[in-house]
Amino acid sequence: MSGGHFDYRESYLGYIAEQLEEDIKYNEIAYNISMPADTPYGFQHTAETVKFMTLMVEELYKLKELLKEYDYAVSGDSSREDFLDKARSLYGTTGAKTC
């Protein structure tokens, strides 16, 4: 059992979230060709864009966590009720959208 319903690809959502976090962190740093190639730089997004990026990060981590719980439920490692409990804790009882 031990999961694997999605071939563990849900973990890629965490990678995407981490990349967005890096983009947010370095947003204000302009590219400078005279700096070493591995110097981090950002894209100078607007504050509104960064706000939505932050929401995307939060949603990606939530979705990764919920997909993992679903994976466990359908693989027999936990129950459907455990999945619903996790979904309710992340999204409320109505499943309301957050973005």
C-alpha atoms as a PDB file:
ATOM      1  CA  MET A   1       0.000   0.000   0.000  1.00  0.00           C
ATOM      2  CA  SER A   2       1.854   3.126   1.249  1.00  0.00           C
ATOM      3  CA  GLY A   3       0.379   5.512  -1.252  1.00  0.00           C
ATOM      4  CA  GLY A   4       1.646   5.931  -4.775  1.00  0.00           C
ATOM      5  CA  HIS A   5      -1.720   6.610  -6.409  1.00  0.00           C
ATOM      6  CA  PHE A   6      -0.180   9.619  -8.180  1.00  0.00           C
ATOM      7  CA  ASP A   7       3.266   7.997  -8.485  1.00  0.00           C
ATOM      8  CA  TYR A   8       4.383  10.500  -5.827  1.00  0.00           C
ATOM      9  CA  ARG A   9       4.124  13.336  -8.361  1.00  0.00           C
ATOM     10  CA  GLU A  10       2.149  15.451  -5.906  1.00  0.00           C
ATOM     11  CA  SER A  11       5.503  16.295  -4.327  1.00  0.00           C
ATOM     12  CA  TYR A  12       6.276  18.343  -7.451  1.00  0.00           C
ATOM     13  CA  LEU A  13       3.698  20.859  -6.218  1.00  0.00           C
ATOM     14  CA  GLY A  14       6.045  21.546  -3.314  1.00  0.00           C
ATOM     15  CA  TYR A  15       8.868  22.229  -5.772  1.00  0.00           C
ATOM     16  CA  ILE A  16       6.688  24.727  -7.644  1.00  0.00           C
ATOM     17  CA  ALA A  17       5.723  26.414  -4.363  1.00  0.00           C
ATOM     18  CA  GLU A  18       9.384  26.649  -3.362  1.00  0.00           C
ATOM     19  CA  GLN A  19      10.291  28.214  -6.712  1.00  0.00           C
ATOM     20  CA  LEU A  20       7.528  30.790  -6.300  1.00  0.00           C
ATOM     21  CA  GLU A  21       8.827  31.541  -2.802  1.00  0.00           C
ATOM     22  CA  GLU A  22      12.273  32.185  -4.290  1.00  0.00           C
ATOM     23  CA  ASP A  23      10.759  34.434  -6.955  1.00  0.00           C
ATOM     24  CA  ILE A  24       9.005  36.410  -4.217  1.00  0.00           C
ATOM     25  CA  LYS A  25      12.139  36.581  -2.065  1.00  0.00           C
ATOM     26  CA  TYR A  26      14.319  37.985  -4.852  1.00  0.00           C
ATOM     27  CA  ASN A  27      11.596  39.936  -6.644  1.00  0.00           C
ATOM     28  CA  GLU A  28      13.161  43.369  -6.125  1.00  0.00           C
ATOM     29  CA  ILE A  29      16.656  42.387  -7.283  1.00  0.00           C
ATOM     30  CA  ALA A  30      17.208  43.368 -10.902  1.00  0.00           C
ATOM     31  CA  TYR A  31      19.267  41.213 -13.231  1.00  0.00           C
ATOM     32  CA  ASN A  32      22.831  42.445 -13.601  1.00  0.00           C
ATOM     33  CA  ILE A  33      24.972  40.862 -16.299  1.00  0.00           C
ATOM     34  CA  SER A  34      28.153  41.849 -14.473  1.00  0.00           C
ATOM     35  CA  MET A  35      27.250  39.623 -11.492  1.00  0.00           C
ATOM     36  CA  PRO A  36      28.176  35.913 -11.352  1.00  0.00           C
ATOM     37  CA  ALA A  37      25.778  33.660 -13.252  1.00  0.00           C
ATOM     38  CA  ASP A  38      24.441  32.041 -10.079  1.00  0.00           C
ATOM     39  CA  THR A  39      23.500  35.360  -8.461  1.00  0.00           C
ATOM     40  CA  PRO A  40      19.771  35.292  -7.703  1.00  0.00           C
ATOM     41  CA  TYR A  41      17.596  37.972  -9.242  1.00  0.00           C
ATOM     42  CA  GLY A  42      13.910  38.702  -9.476  1.00  0.00           C
ATOM     43  CA  PHE A  43      11.399  39.859 -12.012  1.00  0.00           C
ATOM     44  CA  GLN A  44      10.264  43.100 -10.347  1.00  0.00           C
ATOM     45  CA  HIS A  45       6.609  42.049 -10.202  1.00  0.00           C
ATOM     46  CA  THR A  46       4.024  44.472  -8.879  1.00  0.00           C
ATOM     47  CA  ALA A  47       2.791  44.213  -5.308  1.00  0.00           C
ATOM     48  CA  GLU A  48      -0.506  42.822  -6.580  1.00  0.00           C
ATOM     49  CA  THR A  49       1.271  40.091  -8.522  1.00  0.00           C
ATOM     50  CA  VAL A  50       3.351  39.160  -5.469  1.00  0.00           C
ATOM     51  CA  LYS A  51       0.148  38.988  -3.432  1.00  0.00           C
ATOM     52  CA  PHE A  52      -1.337  36.470  -5.865  1.00  0.00           C
ATOM     53  CA  MET A  53       1.939  34.552  -5.995  1.00  0.00           C
ATOM     54  CA  THR A  54       1.799  34.273  -2.197  1.00  0.00           C
ATOM     55  CA  LEU A  55      -1.751  32.919  -2.435  1.00  0.00           C
ATOM     56  CA  MET A  56      -0.609  30.397  -5.048  1.00  0.00           C
ATOM     57  CA  VAL A  57       2.162  29.212  -2.726  1.00  0.00           C
ATOM     58  CA  GLU A  58      -0.344  28.679   0.085  1.00  0.00           C
ATOM     59  CA  GLU A  59      -2.743  26.834  -2.217  1.00  0.00           C
ATOM     60  CA  LEU A  60      -0.019  24.618  -3.661  1.00  0.00           C
ATOM     61  CA  TYR A  61       1.076  23.498  -0.203  1.00  0.00           C
ATOM     62  CA  LYS A  62      -2.553  22.858   0.790  1.00  0.00           C
ATOM     63  CA  LEU A  63      -3.226  20.913  -2.384  1.00  0.00           C
ATOM     64  CA  LYS A  64      -0.051  18.858  -1.967  1.00  0.00           C
ATOM     65  CA  GLU A  65      -1.108  17.966   1.571  1.00  0.00           C
ATOM     66  CA  LEU A  66      -4.663  17.118   0.536  1.00  0.00           C
ATOM     67  CA  LEU A  67      -3.541  15.007  -2.425  1.00  0.00           C
ATOM     68  CA  LYS A  68      -1.264  13.057  -0.094  1.00  0.00           C
ATOM     69  CA  GLU A  69      -4.193  12.393   2.244  1.00  0.00           C
ATOM     70  CA  TYR A  70      -6.368  11.337  -0.714  1.00  0.00           C
ATOM     71  CA  ASP A  71      -3.564   9.070  -1.902  1.00  0.00           C
ATOM     72  CA  TYR A  72      -3.449   7.408   1.525  1.00  0.00           C
ATOM     73  CA  ALA A  73      -7.224   7.013   1.576  1.00  0.00           C
ATOM     74  CA  VAL A  74      -7.529   5.313  -1.821  1.00  0.00           C
ATOM     75  CA  SER A  75      -4.468   3.178  -1.127  1.00  0.00           C
ATOM     76  CA  GLY A  76      -5.993   1.845   2.076  1.00  0.00           C
ATOM     77  CA  ASP A  77      -3.406   3.486   4.361  1.00  0.00           C
ATOM     78  CA  SER A  78      -6.065   5.713   5.915  1.00  0.00           C
ATOM     79  CA  SER A  79      -9.789   6.199   5.448  1.00  0.00           C
ATOM     80  CA  ARG A  80     -12.047   8.343   3.322  1.00  0.00           C
ATOM     81  CA  GLU A  81     -13.134  10.042   6.534  1.00  0.00           C
ATOM     82  CA  ASP A  82      -9.499  10.960   7.240  1.00  0.00           C
ATOM     83  CA  PHE A  83      -9.388  12.529   3.778  1.00  0.00           C
ATOM     84  CA  LEU A  84     -12.576  14.480   4.441  1.00  0.00           C
ATOM     85  CA  ASP A  85     -11.281  15.618   7.830  1.00  0.00           C
ATOM     86  CA  LYS A  86      -8.118  16.951   6.164  1.00  0.00           C
ATOM     87  CA  ALA A  87     -10.125  18.615   3.380  1.00  0.00           C
ATOM     88  CA  ARG A  88     -12.405  20.292   5.903  1.00  0.00           C
ATOM     89  CA  SER A  89      -9.450  21.468   7.984  1.00  0.00           C
ATOM     90  CA  LEU A  90      -7.812  23.020   4.916  1.00  0.00           C
ATOM     91  CA  TYR A  91     -10.851  24.380   3.068  1.00  0.00           C
ATOM     92  CA  GLY A  92     -13.671  24.490   5.600  1.00  0.00           C
ATOM     93  CA  THR A  93     -16.865  22.501   5.583  1.00  0.00           C
ATOM     94  CA  THR A  94     -18.199  24.150   2.422  1.00  0.00           C
ATOM     95  CA  GLY A  95     -15.077  23.602   0.328  1.00  0.00           C
ATOM     96  CA  ALA A  96     -15.002  27.322  -0.363  1.00  0.00           C
ATOM     97  CA  LYS A  97     -12.463  28.628  -2.830  1.00  0.00           C
ATOM     98  CA  THR A  98      -9.670  30.708  -1.382  1.00  0.00           C
ATOM     99  CA  CYS A  99      -8.308  32.241  -4.585  1.00  0.00           C
END
